[in-house]
Amino acid sequence: MAKLILNLAIVGGDPVLMLLIALSVISVAFIVEKIFFMRKIEKELFSYAPSDLRSTLNKRLGFFATVGSNAPFIGLFGTVLGIMKAFHDLAISQDFGVRVVMNGIAEALSSTALGLFVAVPCVIAYNYFVRKARDLNYIYEEHTDAQSKP
């Protein structure tokens, strides 16, 4: 099992970086889509049934929450793999010194930075869209209550 993990570590954090870049692109696309979608919902708010409105407003929120909470851990995993690769490179290198390992560690730390770079906008988007959905639900309920009163 240790041999399998070491072979994975030799690859380094590149697959993790690719995953984080893909998540970043998808996140930006979903944020832009959700902004336009929320504007459309605001214009047609009272044409929705209550259950349809709730499910429509909550669309993609799970993605933002999941990516926002897990991207730093994915980045940390890439950092661990990168550091393992750096030490492996140090072990097989003819040279011994700081230069051999520092480049690998610097590359490894970029995974953590990218993980945070992906997570922060997702958390901000999640909080914004949850608040916006709550506000629109409140406006909808107030309007419905006003319509039902004689």
Protein backbone atom coordinates (compact mmCIF):
# COMPACT_ATOMS: atom_id res chain seq x y z
CA MET A 1 0.00 0.00 0.00
CA ALA A 2 2.85 2.37 0.83
CA LYS A 3 4.37 1.67 -2.59
CA LEU A 4 1.09 2.65 -4.28
CA ILE A 5 0.93 5.92 -2.37
CA LEU A 6 4.57 6.66 -3.18
CA ASN A 7 3.91 6.02 -6.88
CA LEU A 8 0.99 8.44 -6.68
CA ALA A 9 3.20 10.98 -4.93
CA ILE A 10 5.85 10.73 -7.65
CA VAL A 11 3.30 12.17 -10.05
CA GLY A 12 3.10 15.15 -7.70
CA GLY A 13 0.31 17.65 -7.35
CA ASP A 14 -0.30 18.20 -11.07
CA PRO A 15 -3.53 16.14 -11.26
CA VAL A 16 -4.80 17.99 -8.22
CA LEU A 17 -3.97 21.32 -9.83
CA MET A 18 -5.86 20.28 -12.96
CA LEU A 19 -8.87 19.31 -10.86
CA LEU A 20 -8.80 22.63 -9.04
CA ILE A 21 -8.50 24.57 -12.30
CA ALA A 22 -11.49 22.66 -13.69
CA LEU A 23 -13.48 23.39 -10.52
CA SER A 24 -12.53 27.04 -10.80
CA VAL A 25 -13.78 27.31 -14.39
CA ILE A 26 -17.00 25.44 -13.58
CA SER A 27 -17.55 27.60 -10.49
CA VAL A 28 -17.19 30.84 -12.43
CA ALA A 29 -19.59 29.55 -15.08
CA PHE A 30 -22.15 28.55 -12.44
CA ILE A 31 -21.81 31.90 -10.64
CA VAL A 32 -22.43 33.84 -13.85
CA GLU A 33 -25.33 31.55 -14.75
CA LYS A 34 -26.85 31.93 -11.28
CA ILE A 35 -26.62 35.74 -11.43
CA PHE A 36 -28.56 35.85 -14.69
CA PHE A 37 -30.96 33.20 -13.45
CA MET A 38 -31.71 35.14 -10.24
CA ARG A 39 -32.45 38.27 -12.26
CA LYS A 40 -34.91 36.28 -14.38
CA ILE A 41 -36.57 34.86 -11.26
CA GLU A 42 -36.92 38.35 -9.78
CA LYS A 43 -38.81 39.50 -12.87
CA GLU A 44 -41.12 36.45 -12.92
CA LEU A 45 -41.29 35.88 -9.17
CA PHE A 46 -45.05 35.64 -8.79
CA SER A 47 -45.53 33.22 -11.69
CA TYR A 48 -43.94 30.37 -9.71
CA ALA A 49 -45.70 27.88 -7.48
CA PRO A 50 -44.25 27.95 -3.93
CA SER A 51 -42.49 24.57 -4.20
CA ASP A 52 -41.15 25.36 -7.67
CA LEU A 53 -39.82 28.69 -6.47
CA ARG A 54 -37.99 27.12 -3.54
CA SER A 55 -36.35 24.41 -5.66
CA THR A 56 -35.49 26.89 -8.41
CA LEU A 57 -33.87 29.32 -5.98
CA ASN A 58 -31.82 26.56 -4.36
CA LYS A 59 -30.47 25.22 -7.66
CA ARG A 60 -26.63 24.93 -7.65
CA LEU A 61 -26.31 25.98 -4.00
CA GLY A 62 -25.13 22.49 -3.08
CA PHE A 63 -22.33 22.76 -5.63
CA PHE A 64 -21.13 26.07 -4.19
CA ALA A 65 -21.25 24.69 -0.65
CA THR A 66 -19.43 21.49 -1.57
CA VAL A 67 -16.68 23.14 -3.59
CA GLY A 68 -16.31 25.97 -1.09
CA SER A 69 -15.83 23.62 1.80
CA ASN A 70 -13.74 20.95 0.06
CA ALA A 71 -11.44 22.84 -2.34
CA PRO A 72 -8.97 23.77 0.44
CA PHE A 73 -8.69 20.09 1.37
CA ILE A 74 -8.16 19.12 -2.27
CA GLY A 75 -5.42 21.76 -2.42
CA LEU A 76 -3.91 20.42 0.80
CA PHE A 77 -3.88 16.93 -0.71
CA GLY A 78 -1.97 18.32 -3.70
CA THR A 79 0.47 19.97 -1.33
CA VAL A 80 1.10 16.72 0.50
CA LEU A 81 1.67 14.89 -2.79
CA GLY A 82 3.99 17.65 -3.97
CA ILE A 83 6.04 17.60 -0.78
CA MET A 84 6.31 13.81 -0.99
CA LYS A 85 7.54 14.21 -4.58
CA ALA A 86 10.03 16.87 -3.48
CA PHE A 87 11.52 14.55 -0.88
CA HIS A 88 11.54 11.67 -3.35
CA ASP A 89 13.42 13.88 -5.82
CA LEU A 90 15.85 14.78 -3.04
CA ALA A 91 16.41 11.10 -2.30
CA ILE A 92 17.27 10.19 -5.89
CA SER A 93 19.25 13.36 -6.65
CA GLN A 94 23.03 13.35 -6.84
CA ASP A 95 23.08 16.81 -5.33
CA PHE A 96 22.20 17.45 -1.73
CA GLY A 97 20.96 20.76 -0.55
CA VAL A 98 18.17 23.18 -0.21
CA ARG A 99 17.85 23.89 -3.94
CA VAL A 100 16.83 20.34 -4.75
CA VAL A 101 13.84 20.34 -2.43
CA MET A 102 12.77 24.01 -2.46
CA ASN A 103 11.48 24.05 -6.03
CA GLY A 104 9.29 21.03 -5.31
CA ILE A 105 7.95 22.52 -2.11
CA ALA A 106 7.18 25.81 -3.85
CA GLU A 107 5.23 23.93 -6.52
CA ALA A 108 3.46 21.92 -3.82
CA LEU A 109 2.32 25.02 -1.97
CA SER A 110 0.69 26.32 -5.13
CA SER A 111 -1.93 23.59 -4.69
CA THR A 112 -2.98 25.04 -1.35
CA ALA A 113 -3.11 28.54 -2.78
CA LEU A 114 -5.21 27.39 -5.73
CA GLY A 115 -7.53 25.48 -3.40
CA LEU A 116 -8.18 28.66 -1.46
CA PHE A 117 -8.52 30.63 -4.69
CA VAL A 118 -11.31 28.25 -5.76
CA ALA A 119 -12.99 28.01 -2.36
CA VAL A 120 -13.31 31.69 -1.44
CA PRO A 121 -15.46 32.75 -4.43
CA CYS A 122 -17.65 29.67 -3.97
CA VAL A 123 -18.26 30.47 -0.31
CA ILE A 124 -19.01 34.11 -1.16
CA ALA A 125 -21.38 33.02 -3.95
CA TYR A 126 -23.08 30.50 -1.66
CA ASN A 127 -23.67 33.09 1.06
CA TYR A 128 -24.89 35.69 -1.43
CA PHE A 129 -27.29 33.35 -3.22
CA VAL A 130 -28.66 31.87 0.00
CA ARG A 131 -29.40 35.37 1.27
CA LYS A 132 -30.93 36.35 -2.08
CA ALA A 133 -33.10 33.22 -2.12
CA ARG A 134 -34.28 33.92 1.43
CA ASP A 135 -35.15 37.50 0.51
CA LEU A 136 -37.06 36.45 -2.60
CA ASN A 137 -38.92 33.78 -0.64
CA TYR A 138 -39.86 36.41 1.94
CA ILE A 139 -41.15 38.81 -0.75
CA TYR A 140 -43.10 35.96 -2.35
CA GLU A 141 -44.69 34.92 0.95
CA GLU A 142 -45.57 38.51 1.84
CA HIS A 143 -47.21 39.00 -1.54
CA THR A 144 -49.10 35.71 -1.21
CA ASP A 145 -50.29 36.60 2.29
CA ALA A 146 -51.43 40.04 1.10
CA GLN A 147 -53.34 38.45 -1.78
CA SER A 148 -55.12 35.96 0.50
CA LYS A 149 -56.33 38.57 3.00
CA PRO A 150 -59.78 40.06 2.28
